[in-house]
Amino acid sequence: MKRREDKKGKIAEELITRFEEEWEEKKKQQAEELHNDLVDVLLRHKADVYTTLYVLEMLKYETLKTHYDAIMAKEGAIRLSDKEPTPITQ
């Protein structure tokens, strides 16, 4: 019996490893395609480095905010506080 369980465990490990490798490869391909597309857009617009970085920060903020809002909108989500944040500047 022990042998059969060991064999099942090894098969499961191999499947998980294969799945992780395929997932990493897909992520790399997507990242490469997105990178190349963004380079094409930047070259077309001839944007200076500061504008490019500003736009990338905007995209980062929008993406994070969208995901945060989606998490907090879920039923039963833990709210950190219902209180409005205190302004830092007067």
PDB file of N, CA and C in Angstrom:
ATOM      1  N   MET A   1       0.814  -1.196   0.000  1.00  0.00           N
ATOM      2  CA  MET A   1       0.000   0.000   0.000  1.00  0.00           C
ATOM      3  C   MET A   1       0.861   1.265   0.000  1.00  0.00           C
ATOM      4  N   LYS A   2       1.923   1.215   0.792  1.00  0.00           N
ATOM      5  CA  LYS A   2       2.797   2.377   0.907  1.00  0.00           C
ATOM      6  C   LYS A   2       3.396   2.737  -0.447  1.00  0.00           C
ATOM      7  N   ARG A   3       3.756   1.709  -1.220  1.00  0.00           N
ATOM      8  CA  ARG A   3       4.344   1.938  -2.542  1.00  0.00           C
ATOM      9  C   ARG A   3       3.381   2.667  -3.466  1.00  0.00           C
ATOM     10  N   ARG A   4       2.124   2.257  -3.424  1.00  0.00           N
ATOM     11  CA  ARG A   4       1.104   2.860  -4.276  1.00  0.00           C
ATOM     12  C   ARG A   4       0.920   4.339  -3.908  1.00  0.00           C
ATOM     13  N   GLU A   5       0.910   4.644  -2.621  1.00  0.00           N
ATOM     14  CA  GLU A   5       0.765   6.029  -2.167  1.00  0.00           C
ATOM     15  C   GLU A   5       1.965   6.862  -2.592  1.00  0.00           C
ATOM     16  N   ASP A   6       3.173   6.277  -2.483  1.00  0.00           N
ATOM     17  CA  ASP A   6       4.377   6.982  -2.917  1.00  0.00           C
ATOM     18  C   ASP A   6       4.316   7.287  -4.405  1.00  0.00           C
ATOM     19  N   LYS A   7       3.836   6.322  -5.171  1.00  0.00           N
ATOM     20  CA  LYS A   7       3.728   6.493  -6.619  1.00  0.00           C
ATOM     21  C   LYS A   7       2.733   7.607  -6.951  1.00  0.00           C
ATOM     22  N   LYS A   8       1.590   7.621  -6.255  1.00  0.00           N
ATOM     23  CA  LYS A   8       0.586   8.669  -6.470  1.00  0.00           C
ATOM     24  C   LYS A   8       1.151  10.031  -6.101  1.00  0.00           C
ATOM     25  N   GLY A   9       1.906  10.072  -5.011  1.00  0.00           N
ATOM     26  CA  GLY A   9       2.514  11.331  -4.580  1.00  0.00           C
ATOM     27  C   GLY A   9       3.501  11.860  -5.606  1.00  0.00           C
ATOM     28  N   LYS A  10       4.297  10.963  -6.176  1.00  0.00           N
ATOM     29  CA  LYS A  10       5.270  11.366  -7.192  1.00  0.00           C
ATOM     30  C   LYS A  10       4.574  11.864  -8.451  1.00  0.00           C
ATOM     31  N   ILE A  11       3.517  11.187  -8.836  1.00  0.00           N
ATOM     32  CA  ILE A  11       2.761  11.607 -10.024  1.00  0.00           C
ATOM     33  C   ILE A  11       2.158  12.985  -9.787  1.00  0.00           C
ATOM     34  N   ALA A  12       1.589  13.184  -8.607  1.00  0.00           N
ATOM     35  CA  ALA A  12       0.996  14.486  -8.287  1.00  0.00           C
ATOM     36  C   ALA A  12       2.065  15.573  -8.304  1.00  0.00           C
ATOM     37  N   GLU A  13       3.235  15.287  -7.736  1.00  0.00           N
ATOM     38  CA  GLU A  13       4.334  16.258  -7.737  1.00  0.00           C
ATOM     39  C   GLU A  13       4.765  16.600  -9.152  1.00  0.00           C
ATOM     40  N   GLU A  14       4.882  15.580  -9.998  1.00  0.00           N
ATOM     41  CA  GLU A  14       5.278  15.803 -11.389  1.00  0.00           C
ATOM     42  C   GLU A  14       4.248  16.661 -12.119  1.00  0.00           C
ATOM     43  N   LEU A  15       2.969  16.384 -11.889  1.00  0.00           N
ATOM     44  CA  LEU A  15       1.914  17.173 -12.530  1.00  0.00           C
ATOM     45  C   LEU A  15       1.959  18.623 -12.069  1.00  0.00           C
ATOM     46  N   ILE A  16       2.142  18.825 -10.781  1.00  0.00           N
ATOM     47  CA  ILE A  16       2.220  20.190 -10.245  1.00  0.00           C
ATOM     48  C   ILE A  16       3.430  20.909 -10.819  1.00  0.00           C
ATOM     49  N   THR A  17       4.568  20.232 -10.861  1.00  0.00           N
ATOM     50  CA  THR A  17       5.785  20.833 -11.413  1.00  0.00           C
ATOM     51  C   THR A  17       5.589  21.202 -12.872  1.00  0.00           C
ATOM     52  N   ARG A  18       4.996  20.303 -13.641  1.00  0.00           N
ATOM     53  CA  ARG A  18       4.744  20.572 -15.056  1.00  0.00           C
ATOM     54  C   ARG A  18       3.795  21.757 -15.227  1.00  0.00           C
ATOM     55  N   PHE A  19       2.741  21.787 -14.414  1.00  0.00           N
ATOM     56  CA  PHE A  19       1.781  22.892 -14.477  1.00  0.00           C
ATOM     57  C   PHE A  19       2.470  24.214 -14.159  1.00  0.00           C
ATOM     58  N   GLU A  20       3.311  24.237 -13.116  1.00  0.00           N
ATOM     59  CA  GLU A  20       4.023  25.462 -12.743  1.00  0.00           C
ATOM     60  C   GLU A  20       4.955  25.919 -13.857  1.00  0.00           C
ATOM     61  N   GLU A  21       5.647  24.987 -14.487  1.00  0.00           N
ATOM     62  CA  GLU A  21       6.551  25.334 -15.585  1.00  0.00           C
ATOM     63  C   GLU A  21       5.782  25.924 -16.765  1.00  0.00           C
ATOM     64  N   GLU A  22       4.646  25.304 -17.110  1.00  0.00           N
ATOM     65  CA  GLU A  22       3.825  25.823 -18.208  1.00  0.00           C
ATOM     66  C   GLU A  22       3.282  27.205 -17.867  1.00  0.00           C
ATOM     67  N   TRP A  23       2.853  27.393 -16.622  1.00  0.00           N
ATOM     68  CA  TRP A  23       2.325  28.685 -16.178  1.00  0.00           C
ATOM     69  C   TRP A  23       3.407  29.763 -16.280  1.00  0.00           C
ATOM     70  N   GLU A  24       4.612  29.459 -15.822  1.00  0.00           N
ATOM     71  CA  GLU A  24       5.720  30.413 -15.899  1.00  0.00           C
ATOM     72  C   GLU A  24       6.037  30.758 -17.348  1.00  0.00           C
ATOM     73  N   GLU A  25       6.019  29.770 -18.217  1.00  0.00           N
ATOM     74  CA  GLU A  25       6.299  30.010 -19.636  1.00  0.00           C
ATOM     75  C   GLU A  25       5.240  30.923 -20.245  1.00  0.00           C
ATOM     76  N   LYS A  26       3.964  30.694 -19.908  1.00  0.00           N
ATOM     77  CA  LYS A  26       2.894  31.550 -20.428  1.00  0.00           C
ATOM     78  C   LYS A  26       3.055  32.978 -19.928  1.00  0.00           C
ATOM     79  N   LYS A  27       3.405  33.129 -18.644  1.00  0.00           N
ATOM     80  CA  LYS A  27       3.610  34.467 -18.086  1.00  0.00           C
ATOM     81  C   LYS A  27       4.750  35.180 -18.802  1.00  0.00           C
ATOM     82  N   LYS A  28       5.830  34.453 -19.082  1.00  0.00           N
ATOM     83  CA  LYS A  28       6.968  35.040 -19.787  1.00  0.00           C
ATOM     84  C   LYS A  28       6.558  35.493 -21.185  1.00  0.00           C
ATOM     85  N   GLN A  29       5.787  34.656 -21.891  1.00  0.00           N
ATOM     86  CA  GLN A  29       5.336  35.008 -23.237  1.00  0.00           C
ATOM     87  C   GLN A  29       4.443  36.239 -23.207  1.00  0.00           C
ATOM     88  N   GLN A  30       3.510  36.286 -22.257  1.00  0.00           N
ATOM     89  CA  GLN A  30       2.623  37.445 -22.147  1.00  0.00           C
ATOM     90  C   GLN A  30       3.417  38.703 -21.837  1.00  0.00           C
ATOM     91  N   ALA A  31       4.378  38.595 -20.927  1.00  0.00           N
ATOM     92  CA  ALA A  31       5.195  39.751 -20.564  1.00  0.00           C
ATOM     93  C   ALA A  31       5.999  40.241 -21.767  1.00  0.00           C
ATOM     94  N   GLU A  32       6.540  39.315 -22.526  1.00  0.00           N
ATOM     95  CA  GLU A  32       7.320  39.688 -23.705  1.00  0.00           C
ATOM     96  C   GLU A  32       6.443  40.388 -24.744  1.00  0.00           C
ATOM     97  N   GLU A  33       5.247  39.851 -24.984  1.00  0.00           N
ATOM     98  CA  GLU A  33       4.333  40.467 -25.952  1.00  0.00           C
ATOM     99  C   GLU A  33       3.914  41.863 -25.500  1.00  0.00           C
ATOM    100  N   LEU A  34       3.572  42.004 -24.229  1.00  0.00           N
ATOM    101  CA  LEU A  34       3.168  43.309 -23.705  1.00  0.00           C
ATOM    102  C   LEU A  34       4.324  44.294 -23.786  1.00  0.00           C
ATOM    103  N   HIS A  35       5.507  43.847 -23.431  1.00  0.00           N
ATOM    104  CA  HIS A  35       6.696  44.699 -23.512  1.00  0.00           C
ATOM    105  C   HIS A  35       6.900  45.205 -24.937  1.00  0.00           C
ATOM    106  N   ASN A  36       6.841  44.289 -25.907  1.00  0.00           N
ATOM    107  CA  ASN A  36       7.050  44.676 -27.301  1.00  0.00           C
ATOM    108  C   ASN A  36       5.966  45.639 -27.785  1.00  0.00           C
ATOM    109  N   ASP A  37       4.720  45.398 -27.388  1.00  0.00           N
ATOM    110  CA  ASP A  37       3.631  46.303 -27.774  1.00  0.00           C
ATOM    111  C   ASP A  37       3.830  47.690 -27.175  1.00  0.00           C
ATOM    112  N   LEU A  38       4.229  47.745 -25.912  1.00  0.00           N
ATOM    113  CA  LEU A  38       4.456  49.045 -25.273  1.00  0.00           C
ATOM    114  C   LEU A  38       5.623  49.788 -25.918  1.00  0.00           C
ATOM    115  N   VAL A  39       6.668  49.059 -26.264  1.00  0.00           N
ATOM    116  CA  VAL A  39       7.806  49.688 -26.942  1.00  0.00           C
ATOM    117  C   VAL A  39       7.350  50.292 -28.265  1.00  0.00           C
ATOM    118  N   ASP A  40       6.524  49.569 -29.016  1.00  0.00           N
ATOM    119  CA  ASP A  40       6.004  50.095 -30.283  1.00  0.00           C
ATOM    120  C   ASP A  40       5.223  51.391 -30.065  1.00  0.00           C
ATOM    121  N   VAL A  41       4.361  51.405 -29.056  1.00  0.00           N
ATOM    122  CA  VAL A  41       3.562  52.604 -28.765  1.00  0.00           C
ATOM    123  C   VAL A  41       4.475  53.764 -28.373  1.00  0.00           C
ATOM    124  N   LEU A  42       5.439  53.504 -27.509  1.00  0.00           N
ATOM    125  CA  LEU A  42       6.343  54.565 -27.061  1.00  0.00           C
ATOM    126  C   LEU A  42       7.164  55.123 -28.222  1.00  0.00           C
ATOM    127  N   LEU A  43       7.607  54.252 -29.101  1.00  0.00           N
ATOM    128  CA  LEU A  43       8.375  54.719 -30.257  1.00  0.00           C
ATOM    129  C   LEU A  43       7.508  55.557 -31.196  1.00  0.00           C
ATOM    130  N   ARG A  44       6.251  55.147 -31.353  1.00  0.00           N
ATOM    131  CA  ARG A  44       5.342  55.899 -32.213  1.00  0.00           C
ATOM    132  C   ARG A  44       5.073  57.298 -31.667  1.00  0.00           C
ATOM    133  N   HIS A  45       4.914  57.394 -30.353  1.00  0.00           N
ATOM    134  CA  HIS A  45       4.581  58.681 -29.732  1.00  0.00           C
ATOM    135  C   HIS A  45       5.810  59.532 -29.441  1.00  0.00           C
ATOM    136  N   LYS A  46       6.965  58.933 -29.482  1.00  0.00           N
ATOM    137  CA  LYS A  46       8.222  59.636 -29.209  1.00  0.00           C
ATOM    138  C   LYS A  46       8.149  60.402 -27.886  1.00  0.00           C
ATOM    139  N   ALA A  47       7.598  59.761 -26.885  1.00  0.00           N
ATOM    140  CA  ALA A  47       7.442  60.389 -25.571  1.00  0.00           C
ATOM    141  C   ALA A  47       8.788  60.447 -24.859  1.00  0.00           C
ATOM    142  N   ASP A  48       8.987  61.542 -24.105  1.00  0.00           N
ATOM    143  CA  ASP A  48      10.228  61.625 -23.337  1.00  0.00           C
ATOM    144  C   ASP A  48      10.132  60.700 -22.125  1.00  0.00           C
ATOM    145  N   VAL A  49      11.258  60.461 -21.498  1.00  0.00           N
ATOM    146  CA  VAL A  49      11.328  59.481 -20.418  1.00  0.00           C
ATOM    147  C   VAL A  49      10.431  59.866 -19.240  1.00  0.00           C
ATOM    148  N   TYR A  50      10.326  61.150 -18.917  1.00  0.00           N
ATOM    149  CA  TYR A  50       9.513  61.572 -17.772  1.00  0.00           C
ATOM    150  C   TYR A  50       8.023  61.342 -18.020  1.00  0.00           C
ATOM    151  N   THR A  51       7.581  61.636 -19.222  1.00  0.00           N
ATOM    152  CA  THR A  51       6.178  61.394 -19.563  1.00  0.00           C
ATOM    153  C   THR A  51       5.888  59.898 -19.546  1.00  0.00           C
ATOM    154  N   THR A  52       6.810  59.124 -20.076  1.00  0.00           N
ATOM    155  CA  THR A  52       6.647  57.671 -20.089  1.00  0.00           C
ATOM    156  C   THR A  52       6.524  57.126 -18.672  1.00  0.00           C
ATOM    157  N   LEU A  53       7.422  57.547 -17.784  1.00  0.00           N
ATOM    158  CA  LEU A  53       7.374  57.079 -16.398  1.00  0.00           C
ATOM    159  C   LEU A  53       6.104  57.540 -15.697  1.00  0.00           C
ATOM    160  N   TYR A  54       5.670  58.756 -15.990  1.00  0.00           N
ATOM    161  CA  TYR A  54       4.436  59.278 -15.393  1.00  0.00           C
ATOM    162  C   TYR A  54       3.239  58.418 -15.813  1.00  0.00           C
ATOM    163  N   VAL A  55       3.158  58.109 -17.083  1.00  0.00           N
ATOM    164  CA  VAL A  55       2.045  57.295 -17.591  1.00  0.00           C
ATOM    165  C   VAL A  55       2.103  55.885 -17.005  1.00  0.00           C
ATOM    166  N   LEU A  56       3.292  55.319 -16.892  1.00  0.00           N
ATOM    167  CA  LEU A  56       3.419  53.987 -16.295  1.00  0.00           C
ATOM    168  C   LEU A  56       2.978  53.993 -14.831  1.00  0.00           C
ATOM    169  N   GLU A  57       3.300  55.053 -14.099  1.00  0.00           N
ATOM    170  CA  GLU A  57       2.837  55.170 -12.705  1.00  0.00           C
ATOM    171  C   GLU A  57       1.316  55.292 -12.650  1.00  0.00           C
ATOM    172  N   MET A  58       0.735  56.029 -13.596  1.00  0.00           N
ATOM    173  CA  MET A  58      -0.728  56.145 -13.646  1.00  0.00           C
ATOM    174  C   MET A  58      -1.354  54.775 -13.884  1.00  0.00           C
ATOM    175  N   LEU A  59      -0.798  54.028 -14.819  1.00  0.00           N
ATOM    176  CA  LEU A  59      -1.316  52.684 -15.105  1.00  0.00           C
ATOM    177  C   LEU A  59      -1.179  51.769 -13.892  1.00  0.00           C
ATOM    178  N   LYS A  60      -0.057  51.870 -13.213  1.00  0.00           N
ATOM    179  CA  LYS A  60       0.158  51.067 -12.012  1.00  0.00           C
ATOM    180  C   LYS A  60      -0.894  51.402 -10.959  1.00  0.00           C
ATOM    181  N   TYR A  61      -1.113  52.694 -10.729  1.00  0.00           N
ATOM    182  CA  TYR A  61      -2.101  53.126  -9.741  1.00  0.00           C
ATOM    183  C   TYR A  61      -3.502  52.630 -10.117  1.00  0.00           C
ATOM    184  N   GLU A  62      -3.878  52.822 -11.373  1.00  0.00           N
ATOM    185  CA  GLU A  62      -5.216  52.418 -11.820  1.00  0.00           C
ATOM    186  C   GLU A  62      -5.418  50.909 -11.679  1.00  0.00           C
ATOM    187  N   THR A  63      -4.389  50.144 -12.018  1.00  0.00           N
ATOM    188  CA  THR A  63      -4.485  48.691 -11.908  1.00  0.00           C
ATOM    189  C   THR A  63      -4.635  48.258 -10.455  1.00  0.00           C
ATOM    190  N   LEU A  64      -3.792  48.810  -9.585  1.00  0.00           N
ATOM    191  CA  LEU A  64      -3.875  48.461  -8.165  1.00  0.00           C
ATOM    192  C   LEU A  64      -5.210  48.878  -7.567  1.00  0.00           C
ATOM    193  N   LYS A  65      -5.691  50.060  -7.933  1.00  0.00           N
ATOM    194  CA  LYS A  65      -6.964  50.554  -7.400  1.00  0.00           C
ATOM    195  C   LYS A  65      -8.116  49.666  -7.865  1.00  0.00           C
ATOM    196  N   THR A  66      -8.099  49.271  -9.112  1.00  0.00           N
ATOM    197  CA  THR A  66      -9.147  48.393  -9.637  1.00  0.00           C
ATOM    198  C   THR A  66      -9.189  47.075  -8.865  1.00  0.00           C
ATOM    199  N   HIS A  67      -8.017  46.489  -8.639  1.00  0.00           N
ATOM    200  CA  HIS A  67      -7.968  45.225  -7.897  1.00  0.00           C
ATOM    201  C   HIS A  67      -8.373  45.420  -6.441  1.00  0.00           C
ATOM    202  N   TYR A  68      -7.926  46.501  -5.833  1.00  0.00           N
ATOM    203  CA  TYR A  68      -8.298  46.790  -4.442  1.00  0.00           C
ATOM    204  C   TYR A  68      -9.805  46.964  -4.326  1.00  0.00           C
ATOM    205  N   ASP A  69     -10.390  47.752  -5.234  1.00  0.00           N
ATOM    206  CA  ASP A  69     -11.842  47.975  -5.208  1.00  0.00           C
ATOM    207  C   ASP A  69     -12.603  46.666  -5.398  1.00  0.00           C
ATOM    208  N   ALA A  70     -12.092  45.803  -6.267  1.00  0.00           N
ATOM    209  CA  ALA A  70     -12.755  44.516  -6.496  1.00  0.00           C
ATOM    210  C   ALA A  70     -12.708  43.651  -5.241  1.00  0.00           C
ATOM    211  N   ILE A  71     -11.586  43.672  -4.547  1.00  0.00           N
ATOM    212  CA  ILE A  71     -11.464  42.887  -3.318  1.00  0.00           C
ATOM    213  C   ILE A  71     -12.397  43.429  -2.247  1.00  0.00           C
ATOM    214  N   MET A  72     -12.425  44.745  -2.088  1.00  0.00           N
ATOM    215  CA  MET A  72     -13.227  45.353  -1.031  1.00  0.00           C
ATOM    216  C   MET A  72     -14.719  45.311  -1.343  1.00  0.00           C
ATOM    217  N   ALA A  73     -15.080  45.144  -2.602  1.00  0.00           N
ATOM    218  CA  ALA A  73     -16.494  45.117  -2.981  1.00  0.00           C
ATOM    219  C   ALA A  73     -17.123  43.751  -2.722  1.00  0.00           C
ATOM    220  N   LYS A  74     -16.294  42.744  -2.500  1.00  0.00           N
ATOM    221  CA  LYS A  74     -16.820  41.397  -2.278  1.00  0.00           C
ATOM    222  C   LYS A  74     -17.633  41.351  -0.995  1.00  0.00           C
ATOM    223  N   GLU A  75     -18.692  40.566  -1.052  1.00  0.00           N
ATOM    224  CA  GLU A  75     -19.564  40.388   0.110  1.00  0.00           C
ATOM    225  C   GLU A  75     -18.758  39.791   1.254  1.00  0.00           C
ATOM    226  N   GLY A  76     -18.854  40.408   2.415  1.00  0.00           N
ATOM    227  CA  GLY A  76     -18.167  39.893   3.590  1.00  0.00           C
ATOM    228  C   GLY A  76     -16.696  40.256   3.660  1.00  0.00           C
ATOM    229  N   ALA A  77     -16.261  41.176   2.804  1.00  0.00           N
ATOM    230  CA  ALA A  77     -14.858  41.581   2.832  1.00  0.00           C
ATOM    231  C   ALA A  77     -14.567  42.329   4.126  1.00  0.00           C
ATOM    232  N   ILE A  78     -13.372  42.153   4.621  1.00  0.00           N
ATOM    233  CA  ILE A  78     -12.971  42.829   5.845  1.00  0.00           C
ATOM    234  C   ILE A  78     -12.655  44.279   5.517  1.00  0.00           C
ATOM    235  N   ARG A  79     -13.333  45.178   6.195  1.00  0.00           N
ATOM    236  CA  ARG A  79     -13.072  46.606   6.012  1.00  0.00           C
ATOM    237  C   ARG A  79     -12.051  47.022   7.058  1.00  0.00           C
ATOM    238  N   LEU A  80     -11.023  47.733   6.638  1.00  0.00           N
ATOM    239  CA  LEU A  80     -10.021  48.178   7.592  1.00  0.00           C
ATOM    240  C   LEU A  80     -10.594  49.249   8.509  1.00  0.00           C
ATOM    241  N   SER A  81     -11.424  50.122   7.941  1.00  0.00           N
ATOM    242  CA  SER A  81     -12.027  51.180   8.740  1.00  0.00           C
ATOM    243  C   SER A  81     -13.165  51.805   7.954  1.00  0.00           C
ATOM    244  N   ASP A  82     -14.214  52.194   8.658  1.00  0.00           N
ATOM    245  CA  ASP A  82     -15.303  52.927   8.018  1.00  0.00           C
ATOM    246  C   ASP A  82     -15.072  54.427   8.134  1.00  0.00           C
ATOM    247  N   LYS A  83     -14.086  54.797   8.932  1.00  0.00           N
ATOM    248  CA  LYS A  83     -13.770  56.199   9.179  1.00  0.00           C
ATOM    249  C   LYS A  83     -13.014  56.783   7.981  1.00  0.00           C
ATOM    250  N   GLU A  84     -13.323  58.030   7.674  1.00  0.00           N
ATOM    251  CA  GLU A  84     -12.604  58.715   6.597  1.00  0.00           C
ATOM    252  C   GLU A  84     -11.176  59.001   7.057  1.00  0.00           C
ATOM    253  N   PRO A  85     -10.198  58.932   6.156  1.00  0.00           N
ATOM    254  CA  PRO A  85      -8.828  59.221   6.559  1.00  0.00           C
ATOM    255  C   PRO A  85      -8.663  60.682   6.972  1.00  0.00           C
ATOM    256  N   THR A  86      -7.792  60.923   7.925  1.00  0.00           N
ATOM    257  CA  THR A  86      -7.506  62.276   8.386  1.00  0.00           C
ATOM    258  C   THR A  86      -6.575  62.938   7.390  1.00  0.00           C
ATOM    259  N   PRO A  87      -6.928  64.146   6.930  1.00  0.00           N
ATOM    260  CA  PRO A  87      -6.043  64.827   5.983  1.00  0.00           C
ATOM    261  C   PRO A  87      -4.699  65.163   6.633  1.00  0.00           C
ATOM    262  N   ILE A  88      -3.638  65.017   5.880  1.00  0.00           N
ATOM    263  CA  ILE A  88      -2.303  65.306   6.402  1.00  0.00           C
ATOM    264  C   ILE A  88      -2.056  66.806   6.401  1.00  0.00           C
ATOM    265  N   THR A  89      -2.489  67.469   5.346  1.00  0.00           N
ATOM    266  CA  THR A  89      -2.289  68.921   5.264  1.00  0.00           C
ATOM    267  C   THR A  89      -3.567  69.630   5.655  1.00  0.00           C
ATOM    268  N   GLN A  90      -3.424  70.766   6.244  1.00  0.00           N
ATOM    269  CA  GLN A  90      -4.580  71.550   6.691  1.00  0.00           C
ATOM    270  C   GLN A  90      -4.971  72.574   5.655  1.00  0.00           C
TER     271      GLN A  90
END
